[in-house]
Structures are given as structure tokens and as C-alpha cells.
Protein backbone atom coordinates (compact mmCIF):
# COMPACT_ATOMS: atom_id res chain seq x y z
CA MET A 1 0.00 0.00 0.00
CA GLU A 2 1.13 3.56 -0.76
CA GLY A 3 0.93 4.62 2.88
CA GLN A 4 2.88 1.69 4.26
CA LYS A 5 6.03 2.38 2.31
CA SER A 6 8.56 4.58 4.03
CA GLN A 7 11.52 6.69 3.20
CA MET A 8 12.55 9.51 5.53
CA ARG A 9 13.94 11.90 2.96
CA TYR A 10 11.55 12.06 0.04
CA GLN A 11 12.71 11.61 -3.54
CA LYS A 12 10.60 12.18 -6.65
CA GLY A 13 8.61 9.08 -7.48
CA ALA A 14 8.76 7.71 -3.92
CA SER A 15 5.82 6.93 -1.63
CA LEU A 16 4.04 10.09 -0.50
CA VAL A 17 3.45 8.86 3.06
CA SER A 18 6.13 7.85 5.54
CA ASP A 19 4.37 5.89 8.27
CA THR A 20 6.10 2.97 9.97
CA VAL A 21 6.30 1.92 13.61
CA ILE A 22 9.69 3.62 13.97
CA SER A 23 8.66 6.82 12.16
CA ARG A 24 5.51 7.04 14.28
CA LEU A 25 7.51 6.61 17.49
CA VAL A 26 10.07 9.24 16.51
CA GLY A 27 7.29 11.52 15.28
CA ASP A 28 5.43 11.19 18.60
CA VAL A 29 8.58 12.20 20.48
CA LEU A 30 9.09 15.19 18.18
CA VAL A 31 5.47 16.31 18.55
CA ALA A 32 5.68 16.00 22.34
CA PHE A 33 8.86 18.08 22.34
CA ILE A 34 7.38 20.71 20.03
CA GLY A 35 4.24 20.84 22.16
CA MET A 36 6.30 21.26 25.33
CA ILE A 37 8.39 24.16 24.06
CA GLY A 38 6.11 25.45 21.31
CA TRP A 39 3.31 26.77 23.47
CA PRO A 40 5.43 28.93 25.85
CA LEU A 41 7.59 30.08 22.92
CA CYS A 42 4.57 31.11 20.84
CA ARG A 43 3.09 32.87 23.86
CA LEU A 44 6.34 34.74 24.38
CA LEU A 45 6.88 35.73 20.74
CA TYR A 46 3.32 36.21 19.50
CA ASN A 47 1.06 36.26 22.57
CA ILE A 48 -0.80 33.46 20.81
CA LYS A 49 -4.43 32.75 21.61
CA ILE A 50 -6.31 29.68 20.37
CA GLU A 51 -10.10 29.63 20.35
CA ARG A 52 -12.87 27.40 19.06
CA ILE A 53 -15.55 29.60 17.52
CA GLY A 54 -19.14 28.35 17.64
CA TRP A 55 -18.24 24.96 19.12
CA GLU A 56 -20.17 23.40 21.96
CA LYS A 57 -17.94 23.14 25.03
CA ARG A 58 -17.60 19.36 24.94
CA LEU A 59 -17.49 18.94 21.19
CA ARG A 60 -14.32 17.25 19.98
CA LEU A 61 -12.67 17.20 16.59
CA PRO A 62 -14.41 14.73 14.28
CA SER A 63 -12.76 11.32 14.11
CA ARG A 64 -12.13 11.99 10.41
CA ALA A 65 -11.81 15.46 8.93
CA ILE A 66 -9.90 17.67 6.53
CA LEU A 67 -8.33 20.75 8.11
CA VAL A 68 -8.00 23.89 5.99
CA SER A 69 -6.01 27.02 6.88
CA ASN A 70 -4.83 30.31 5.47
CA HIS A 71 -1.03 30.51 5.36
CA CYS A 72 0.35 33.84 6.55
CA MET A 73 3.21 32.92 8.92
CA PRO A 74 6.17 30.51 8.54
CA LEU A 75 5.20 29.00 11.92
CA ASP A 76 1.59 28.31 10.89
CA PRO A 77 2.11 24.52 11.04
CA VAL A 78 3.27 24.91 14.67
CA PHE A 79 0.33 27.17 15.58
CA HIS A 80 -2.17 24.84 13.95
CA GLY A 81 -0.54 21.72 15.38
CA LEU A 82 -0.88 23.21 18.87
CA SER A 83 -4.55 23.97 18.20
CA ILE A 84 -5.47 20.29 17.71
CA LEU A 85 -3.38 18.65 20.45
CA PRO A 86 -3.46 15.86 21.58
CA ARG A 87 -4.54 14.83 18.06
CA ARG A 88 -1.95 14.56 15.30
CA THR A 89 -2.50 15.24 11.63
CA PHE A 90 -0.89 14.53 8.31
CA PHE A 91 -0.32 17.73 6.33
CA THR A 92 0.40 18.55 2.71
CA LEU A 93 3.30 20.71 1.57
CA LEU A 94 5.53 21.51 -1.39
CA GLU A 95 7.36 18.56 -2.89
CA GLU A 96 10.59 20.60 -2.86
CA THR A 97 10.44 21.00 0.93
CA CYS A 98 10.28 17.24 1.43
CA GLU A 99 13.33 16.82 -0.82
CA ALA A 100 15.49 19.12 1.35
CA PRO A 101 18.29 17.24 3.21
CA VAL A 102 17.37 17.90 6.86
CA ILE A 103 14.03 19.68 6.78
CA GLY A 104 12.66 17.04 4.41
CA SER A 105 13.28 14.22 6.87
CA LEU A 106 11.88 16.28 9.76
CA VAL A 107 8.61 17.18 8.07
CA ARG A 108 8.13 13.60 6.91
CA LEU A 109 8.50 12.38 10.49
CA LEU A 110 5.92 14.93 11.59
CA GLY A 111 3.44 13.75 8.93
CA GLY A 112 4.31 15.75 5.83
CA ILE A 113 2.78 14.59 2.53
CA PRO A 114 4.51 16.11 -0.52
CA LEU A 115 2.34 17.31 -3.40
CA PRO A 116 4.08 16.29 -6.64
CA ARG A 117 3.77 18.67 -9.57
CA ASN A 118 3.54 15.69 -11.92
CA ARG A 119 -0.15 15.30 -12.80
CA LYS A 120 0.40 11.59 -13.33
CA ARG A 121 0.66 11.27 -9.53
CA LEU A 122 -2.78 12.69 -8.76
CA GLY A 123 -3.92 9.16 -7.97
CA ASP A 124 -1.06 8.79 -5.48
CA ILE A 125 -2.14 12.01 -3.74
CA GLU A 126 -5.68 10.65 -3.46
CA SER A 127 -4.35 7.39 -2.00
CA ALA A 128 -2.22 9.31 0.49
CA VAL A 129 -5.21 11.37 1.66
CA GLU A 130 -7.31 8.23 1.97
CA TYR A 131 -4.56 6.60 4.04
CA ALA A 132 -4.24 9.67 6.26
CA LEU A 133 -7.98 9.69 6.95
CA SER A 134 -7.98 5.97 7.74
CA THR A 135 -5.11 6.22 10.26
CA ARG A 136 -4.75 9.54 12.11
CA GLY A 137 -8.11 10.65 10.76
CA LEU A 138 -6.89 14.15 9.92
CA VAL A 139 -5.11 15.72 6.96
CA HIS A 140 -4.26 19.43 6.78
CA PHE A 141 -4.26 21.56 3.62
CA TYR A 142 -3.04 25.09 2.95
CA PRO A 143 -5.14 25.71 -0.18
CA GLU A 144 -3.56 29.08 -1.03
CA GLY A 145 -0.60 26.98 -2.19
CA GLU A 146 2.14 28.99 -0.48
CA CYS A 147 2.83 31.30 2.46
CA PHE A 148 1.89 34.97 2.03
CA LEU A 149 3.64 36.74 4.90
CA GLY A 150 1.32 38.76 7.14
CA ASN A 151 -1.59 38.42 4.74
CA GLN A 152 -5.12 38.95 6.07
CA ASP A 153 -6.87 39.11 2.71
CA ILE A 154 -6.91 35.40 1.86
CA PHE A 155 -5.84 34.53 -1.67
CA PRO A 156 -8.06 32.23 -3.78
CA PHE A 157 -8.10 28.61 -2.68
CA LYS A 158 -7.32 25.60 -4.82
CA ALA A 159 -10.16 23.08 -4.71
CA GLY A 160 -8.24 19.92 -3.73
CA ALA A 161 -9.20 19.90 -0.03
CA ALA A 162 -12.90 20.35 -0.77
CA PHE A 163 -12.72 17.72 -3.52
CA PHE A 164 -11.36 15.13 -1.08
CA ALA A 165 -13.90 16.12 1.59
CA ILE A 166 -16.71 15.43 -0.88
CA LYS A 167 -15.12 12.26 -2.25
CA PHE A 168 -14.49 10.70 1.17
CA GLY A 169 -17.58 12.14 2.88
CA VAL A 170 -15.75 13.94 5.69
CA PRO A 171 -16.20 17.43 7.15
CA VAL A 172 -13.88 20.37 6.62
CA VAL A 173 -12.62 22.16 9.74
CA PRO A 174 -11.44 25.71 8.90
CA ILE A 175 -8.57 26.96 11.08
CA VAL A 176 -8.04 30.70 10.63
CA THR A 177 -4.85 32.57 11.53
CA ILE A 178 -5.70 36.15 12.49
CA LEU A 179 -2.90 38.70 12.86
CA LYS A 180 -3.00 41.97 14.77
CA ARG A 181 -0.49 44.47 16.08
CA ASP A 182 0.01 43.80 19.77
CA ASN A 183 -0.91 46.88 21.85
CA GLY A 184 -2.02 49.07 18.98
CA GLN A 185 -1.13 50.24 15.48
CA LYS A 186 2.31 51.59 16.41
CA SER A 187 3.52 48.26 17.78
CA LYS A 188 5.90 46.14 15.72
CA ARG A 189 5.00 43.01 17.65
CA ILE A 190 2.44 40.74 15.99
CA GLN A 191 -0.25 39.00 17.98
CA VAL A 192 -1.44 35.67 16.58
CA ASN A 193 -4.98 34.44 17.12
CA VAL A 194 -5.94 30.97 15.87
CA HIS A 195 -9.68 30.47 15.46
CA MET A 196 -10.98 26.97 14.78
CA LEU A 197 -14.41 27.21 13.16
CA GLU A 198 -17.15 24.61 13.35
CA PRO A 199 -16.83 21.51 11.13
CA ILE A 200 -18.59 21.92 7.79
CA MET A 201 -20.00 18.86 6.05
CA PRO A 202 -20.03 19.09 2.26
CA GLN A 203 -23.60 20.06 1.47
CA THR A 204 -25.70 17.50 -0.33
CA LEU A 205 -24.56 18.67 -3.73
CA LEU A 206 -24.04 15.32 -5.37
CA PRO A 207 -26.96 13.85 -7.31
CA LYS A 208 -26.31 10.34 -5.99
CA PRO A 209 -23.83 8.50 -3.77
CA ILE A 210 -20.43 7.75 -5.26
CA SER A 211 -20.91 4.02 -4.71
CA SER A 212 -24.03 4.00 -6.89
CA ILE A 213 -22.39 5.43 -10.00
CA ASP A 214 -22.17 2.98 -12.87
CA ARG A 215 -18.90 2.40 -14.67
CA ASP A 216 -20.10 4.05 -17.88
CA SER A 217 -20.50 7.42 -16.15
CA VAL A 218 -17.41 7.28 -13.93
CA ARG A 219 -15.37 9.34 -16.39
CA GLU A 220 -17.85 12.21 -16.33
CA TYR A 221 -18.47 12.15 -12.60
CA PRO A 222 -15.09 13.53 -11.44
CA ARG A 223 -15.70 16.64 -13.56
CA GLU A 224 -19.10 17.09 -11.97
CA MET A 225 -17.67 16.51 -8.51
CA LEU A 226 -14.90 19.03 -9.18
CA SER A 227 -17.48 21.70 -9.99
CA PHE A 228 -19.16 21.01 -6.65
CA ALA A 229 -15.75 21.15 -4.96
CA ILE A 230 -15.07 24.57 -6.47
CA LYS A 231 -18.38 25.84 -5.11
CA PHE A 232 -17.70 24.33 -1.67
CA THR A 233 -14.20 25.87 -1.72
CA GLY A 234 -15.71 29.30 -2.27
CA GLU A 235 -18.00 28.82 0.73
CA ILE A 236 -15.08 27.83 2.97
CA HIS A 237 -12.97 30.76 1.76
CA ALA A 238 -15.82 33.21 2.42
CA LEU A 239 -16.35 31.91 5.97
CA MET A 240 -12.66 32.19 6.80
CA GLN A 241 -12.33 35.69 5.37
CA ALA A 242 -15.46 36.75 7.28
CA GLU A 243 -13.85 35.51 10.50
CA ILE A 244 -10.76 37.63 9.83
CA GLU A 245 -12.97 40.68 9.20
CA ARG A 246 -15.06 40.01 12.31
CA SER A 247 -11.95 39.63 14.46
CA GLY A 248 -10.18 42.73 13.16
CA GLY A 249 -7.26 41.15 11.29
CA ASP A 250 -4.73 43.83 10.33
CA LYS A 251 -4.29 43.94 6.55
CA SER A 252 -1.43 46.45 6.79
CA LEU A 253 0.87 43.62 7.94
CA TYR A 254 1.12 42.03 4.48
CA LYS A 255 4.70 41.71 3.22
CA GLY A 256 4.22 39.60 0.10
CA PRO A 257 4.91 35.94 -0.73
CA MET A 258 7.44 34.16 1.45
CA PRO A 259 10.86 34.42 -0.26
CA ARG A 260 11.96 31.32 -2.12
CA ILE A 261 14.76 29.39 -0.44
CA ARG A 262 16.68 27.18 -2.83
CA GLY A 263 16.34 23.54 -1.85
CA VAL A 264 13.51 24.23 0.61
CA ASN A 265 10.56 25.85 -1.18
CA ASP A 266 12.03 26.43 -4.66
């Protein structure tokens, strides 16, 4: 199976998921360490606050879900990882990052799933997402496609996360990073607020269950499902942007796309 193969440092053409007994053990230790130092460090640097918006007090994360976030800080994966503890998630990222000598091995241990640019591997991406949902139950997407530093005006989303939510019948949990200037407009210090919105089930957009589709129409159905995914993506994007507006995210903080680092994100 795609998900059972393992190779710490990713190479083009290799399995997209690294998940063995040893990698899980090492990953658990790393997550525990990051959780132990990450929270006080994020509090110190960014006065971070994590809230669940609209959730009932005892409501937990769904057993299976796709997490979706805007990407406006290099430490977003840390912020968002802290927001779901003690759960762990797989997360998607640039293929080039997973190929990097040290960082590549680290992100793979933490659950990184590279997204190959080769369209012939779309089926492998689908298998990796299916595996992630069947094991940890969570897979995290940054549908803007890259990090836009300080951005509070979310760029258009790619539809992959919504497509998989519809295909596998799981909810989407939006996690919104909201940035403000700490102690007023003149402050250079950024305050980070992470708001986890209520789970959103894909609305009943499909004309019939996937399992009931006959083989003759299977070629047309993905196109139809993609159109529904695009619509669902727009709804998610609008909800997340509305949360930034409601919470007073500071749009003057935007500094542009994160610079490309050769061998890491380029």
C-alpha cells in the first residue's frame, strides 16, 4: 500500500506517506517536544491565543476530517498543530520542501505529505489522503498553495481539499490565523490568534452516492464533482475571510509571498 512504504527523505517518485512503527515513534517524540516548548515560545513571541468559535464546550474534533487554513506565517504549522493537540494530523506541503536534506526528513517524520507537480501522480495524492484519513483521521491543507507573509486578505483557494472532503464524505474544519499588532497600530510586535471554526460537512450537492455510480459514467463524474468542490471551496474561503474581518485582522501587515529558499521551497 502507498501509505505503508517509508523513506525519511523524500525523492521524486517515492511513496508520499512515511508511516512505519519507527517513524511514528520518533514523530510522537518530536510532537511532544514541540508541544512542550512550542506553546510557551509562541506565547512569548506572539502572545498566541487559540479559540474554538461556535463549538459546543464538549465537542471534539471529528474522528475523520480535513483541516483547511490560510497561510500567513512561517510558523503556521506549529500554531495549527498546537490547536489540535493531543490529536496529530498529516499535512500537505511543497514537494521541494520534502526533498530538502534535513528539513525534508523532519517534516516527513511529523506527517508531511509532498504534493508532486507531476499530474500523473494525482492518484497517489488521493491514495495518500485516503490513508491519512484511515489512520490519524486528519489531513491538513493550505489551499492558497504557499505562504503569504502577514496576509489577512486570503488569496483564492485551490479546490483539492474540498474535492477530497466530498469524495471521502468527511467534514472540513477551517482553522483561521488572524494577525493583529500587539498593543495598537504603532507596535511592531504581531499577535497571533488561531480560530478553529465549526466543522462543515459538504452540502448534499451530489446527485447520488459515489458508490451507486455505474462504470459508464465514472469518467464524467469527477468533472461534476470538481465543480461542486469549487463551489464548496468558495464557501469555505468566504467563511474564513469573514472571521478575519469580524476579528479585526490587520491587513497592513502584508509583506508579500514568502521568499523562495533554494532547496527548501524552490
